[in-house]
Protein backbone atom coordinates (compact mmCIF):
# COMPACT_ATOMS: atom_id res chain seq x y z
CA HIS A 1 0.00 0.00 0.00
CA LEU A 2 1.16 3.45 -0.85
CA PHE A 3 1.38 5.81 2.13
CA THR A 4 -0.41 9.12 1.73
CA SER A 5 -1.27 11.78 4.25
CA ARG A 6 -4.91 11.46 3.23
CA ARG A 7 -4.92 7.76 4.13
CA TYR A 8 -3.26 8.52 7.44
CA TYR A 9 -5.77 11.22 8.39
CA ASN A 10 -8.69 9.06 7.30
CA LEU A 11 -7.43 6.23 9.50
CA VAL A 12 -6.62 8.34 12.55
CA TYR A 13 -9.69 10.57 12.47
CA GLN A 14 -12.33 8.20 11.10
CA TYR A 15 -14.22 7.98 14.41
CA LEU A 16 -13.89 11.60 15.43
CA GLN A 17 -17.23 13.35 15.87
CA VAL A 18 -16.99 16.90 14.55
CA SER A 19 -19.68 19.55 14.65
CA PRO A 20 -21.28 20.18 11.23
CA VAL A 21 -20.60 23.89 11.73
CA PHE A 22 -16.98 23.33 10.70
CA LYS A 23 -17.99 21.86 7.34
CA MET A 24 -20.45 24.73 6.86
CA MET A 25 -17.76 27.26 7.69
CA TRP A 26 -15.05 25.82 5.42
CA LYS A 27 -17.53 25.46 2.54
CA SER A 28 -18.77 29.03 2.93
CA LYS A 29 -18.00 31.56 0.22
CA CYS A 30 -16.16 33.92 2.56
CA THR A 31 -12.49 34.68 2.13
CA GLN A 32 -9.91 32.52 3.89
CA ARG A 33 -9.09 35.22 6.39
CA ILE A 34 -12.70 35.35 7.62
CA LYS A 35 -12.87 31.55 7.71
CA PHE A 36 -9.70 31.38 9.79
CA PHE A 37 -11.08 34.01 12.16
CA ALA A 38 -14.27 31.92 12.48
CA TRP A 39 -12.25 28.78 13.14
CA LEU A 40 -10.46 30.57 16.00
CA LEU A 41 -13.85 31.65 17.33
CA LEU A 42 -15.32 28.13 17.09
CA VAL A 43 -12.39 26.41 18.82
CA ASP A 44 -12.22 29.12 21.52
CA ARG A 45 -8.78 30.39 20.51
CA LEU A 46 -9.73 33.94 19.56
CA ASN A 47 -7.72 36.48 21.55
CA THR A 48 -10.54 37.85 23.65
CA ARG A 49 -9.55 39.52 26.91
CA VAL A 50 -10.33 36.36 28.88
CA MET A 51 -8.18 34.28 26.50
CA LEU A 52 -5.28 36.73 26.86
CA GLN A 53 -5.63 36.58 30.63
CA ARG A 54 -5.59 32.75 30.50
CA ARG A 55 -2.32 33.01 28.58
CA HIS A 56 -0.94 35.31 31.31
CA PHE A 57 -0.92 38.48 29.22
CA GLN A 58 -1.63 41.64 31.15
CA VAL A 59 -4.98 43.01 30.01
CA GLN A 60 -5.28 46.66 30.93
CA PRO A 61 -7.13 47.73 33.02
CA ASN A 62 -9.28 44.55 33.30
CA SER A 63 -10.83 41.78 31.22
CA HIS A 64 -14.25 43.43 30.89
CA CYS A 65 -15.99 43.76 27.55
CA VAL A 66 -15.20 47.07 25.86
CA MET A 67 -18.35 46.93 23.73
CA CYS A 68 -20.76 47.41 26.64
CA THR A 69 -20.92 48.86 30.13
CA SER A 70 -22.07 45.71 31.92
CA ALA A 71 -18.65 44.92 33.50
CA VAL A 72 -18.83 41.33 32.21
CA GLU A 73 -15.68 39.48 31.23
CA GLU A 74 -15.05 39.47 27.49
CA ASP A 75 -15.14 35.90 26.27
CA ILE A 76 -16.52 34.50 23.03
CA GLU A 77 -19.95 33.81 24.53
CA HIS A 78 -20.33 37.36 25.80
CA LEU A 79 -18.69 39.29 22.96
CA PHE A 80 -20.60 37.63 20.12
CA PHE A 81 -23.86 36.47 21.72
CA SER A 82 -24.86 37.99 25.06
CA CYS A 83 -23.27 41.44 24.88
CA PRO A 84 -26.00 44.08 24.40
CA PHE A 85 -24.07 45.44 21.39
CA ALA A 86 -23.94 42.01 19.74
CA GLY A 87 -27.62 41.50 20.60
CA SER A 88 -28.47 44.71 18.75
CA CYS A 89 -26.49 43.51 15.73
CA TRP A 90 -28.27 40.12 15.67
CA ASN A 91 -31.65 41.83 16.11
CA LYS A 92 -30.93 43.96 13.04
CA LEU A 93 -30.33 40.77 11.06
CA GLY A 94 -33.32 38.96 12.57
CA VAL A 95 -31.19 36.20 14.12
CA LEU A 96 -32.40 34.60 17.33
CA TRP A 97 -29.98 32.43 19.31
CA LEU A 98 -30.64 29.54 21.65
CA SER A 99 -28.85 30.30 24.89
CA ALA A 100 -28.63 26.88 26.51
CA VAL A 101 -26.39 25.13 23.97
CA ASN A 102 -22.72 25.46 23.07
CA VAL A 103 -21.66 27.92 20.39
CA GLN A 104 -21.21 25.33 17.64
CA ASP A 105 -24.64 23.73 18.18
CA ARG A 106 -26.22 27.18 18.47
CA ILE A 107 -24.94 28.16 15.01
CA VAL A 108 -26.03 24.86 13.44
CA HIS A 109 -29.50 25.23 14.97
CA ALA A 110 -29.84 28.83 13.79
CA ALA A 111 -28.63 27.92 10.29
CA ARG A 112 -31.18 25.11 10.01
CA ASN A 113 -34.07 27.21 11.32
CA SER A 114 -33.32 30.51 9.63
CA ASN A 115 -34.86 31.94 6.48
CA ILE A 116 -31.78 34.07 5.90
CA PRO A 117 -30.13 33.23 2.57
CA LEU A 118 -26.47 32.21 2.94
CA PHE A 119 -26.82 32.08 6.73
CA ILE A 120 -23.30 30.87 7.49
CA GLU A 121 -21.82 33.71 5.43
CA VAL A 122 -24.04 36.18 7.30
CA PHE A 123 -22.87 34.76 10.62
CA LEU A 124 -19.20 34.90 9.63
CA ILE A 125 -19.41 38.46 8.31
CA ALA A 126 -21.43 39.69 11.30
CA THR A 127 -18.98 38.30 13.86
CA TRP A 128 -16.02 39.53 11.80
CA GLU A 129 -17.39 43.07 11.84
CA ILE A 130 -18.15 42.94 15.59
CA TRP A 131 -14.54 41.83 16.10
CA ASN A 132 -13.22 44.64 13.88
CA LEU A 133 -15.20 47.30 15.78
CA ARG A 134 -14.01 45.86 19.10
CA ASN A 135 -10.40 46.02 17.91
CA ALA A 136 -10.85 49.56 16.58
CA LYS A 137 -12.11 50.63 19.99
CA ILE A 138 -9.20 49.00 21.84
CA PHE A 139 -6.36 49.95 19.51
CA TYR A 140 -7.57 53.17 17.86
CA ASN A 141 -10.03 54.55 20.41
CA GLY A 142 -12.84 54.04 17.88
CA ARG A 143 -16.49 54.56 18.71
CA PRO A 144 -18.50 51.46 17.81
CA THR A 145 -22.10 52.17 16.90
CA LEU A 146 -24.82 49.96 15.52
CA ARG A 147 -25.01 52.16 12.42
CA LEU A 148 -21.26 51.78 11.81
CA TRP A 149 -21.47 48.02 12.31
CA LEU A 150 -24.40 47.78 9.88
CA ASN A 151 -22.60 49.83 7.22
CA ASN A 152 -19.46 47.71 7.61
CA PHE A 153 -21.54 44.51 7.55
CA LYS A 154 -23.30 45.53 4.32
CA GLN A 155 -20.04 46.55 2.63
CA GLN A 156 -18.35 43.31 3.61
CA ALA A 157 -21.40 41.29 2.52
CA GLN A 158 -21.30 42.97 -0.90
CA LEU A 159 -17.59 42.12 -1.21
CA GLN A 160 -18.11 38.50 -0.19
CA LEU A 161 -21.07 38.30 -2.55
CA LEU A 162 -18.62 38.48 -5.45
CA ARG A 163 -17.56 34.95 -4.45
CA VAL A 164 -21.13 33.53 -4.50
CA ARG A 165 -22.67 31.84 -7.52
CA GLU A 166 -24.96 34.18 -9.43
CA ILE A 167 -28.02 32.04 -8.82
CA HIS A 168 -27.86 32.87 -5.08
CA THR A 169 -27.16 36.58 -5.50
CA PRO A 170 -30.69 38.01 -6.05
CA SER A 171 -32.24 36.52 -2.90
CA PHE A 172 -29.28 37.61 -0.80
CA VAL A 173 -29.27 41.15 -2.19
CA GLN A 174 -33.02 41.38 -1.64
CA TRP A 175 -32.59 40.23 1.99
CA LEU A 176 -29.69 42.65 2.48
CA ASP A 177 -31.84 45.56 1.21
CA THR A 178 -34.47 44.87 3.88
CA ILE A 179 -32.00 45.57 6.69
CA THR A 180 -32.07 49.17 7.81
């Protein structure tokens, strides 16, 4: 038998149970940089303030979320799902999240029960833009607003749309136009 890395991985990982969200994410039409960001988010390796603290980096002045005033530690769950700012973003898009399940199952459930065209792309772009506004506030003293997030989301969605097959474009553009 000829040794190949594919054969090795198939043998070693054949019984591994992986969330379907990873297949959805890697098959999405977003750019590789957004997919890699999403992978970091999904495996809890994104450099949130809590993650930096776990790695013994000094987070000044504390590990609280910079996107809200609730004095809650900034982890993936808070920053992208339970933070009031993130909640406003998801409300704009009409996305409702289950709160009792892990992040991966929550995304799969929302994708299966949503009427939003290209849901996984919407999720990836929305979280990417929340992350960008958060970073702008920390590093450049930016002022994140829902209006700014929405404008950035729509611009990024239009850019990513160039990667989508034309048959899916009209329904997505129509959905995008309904968001105000």
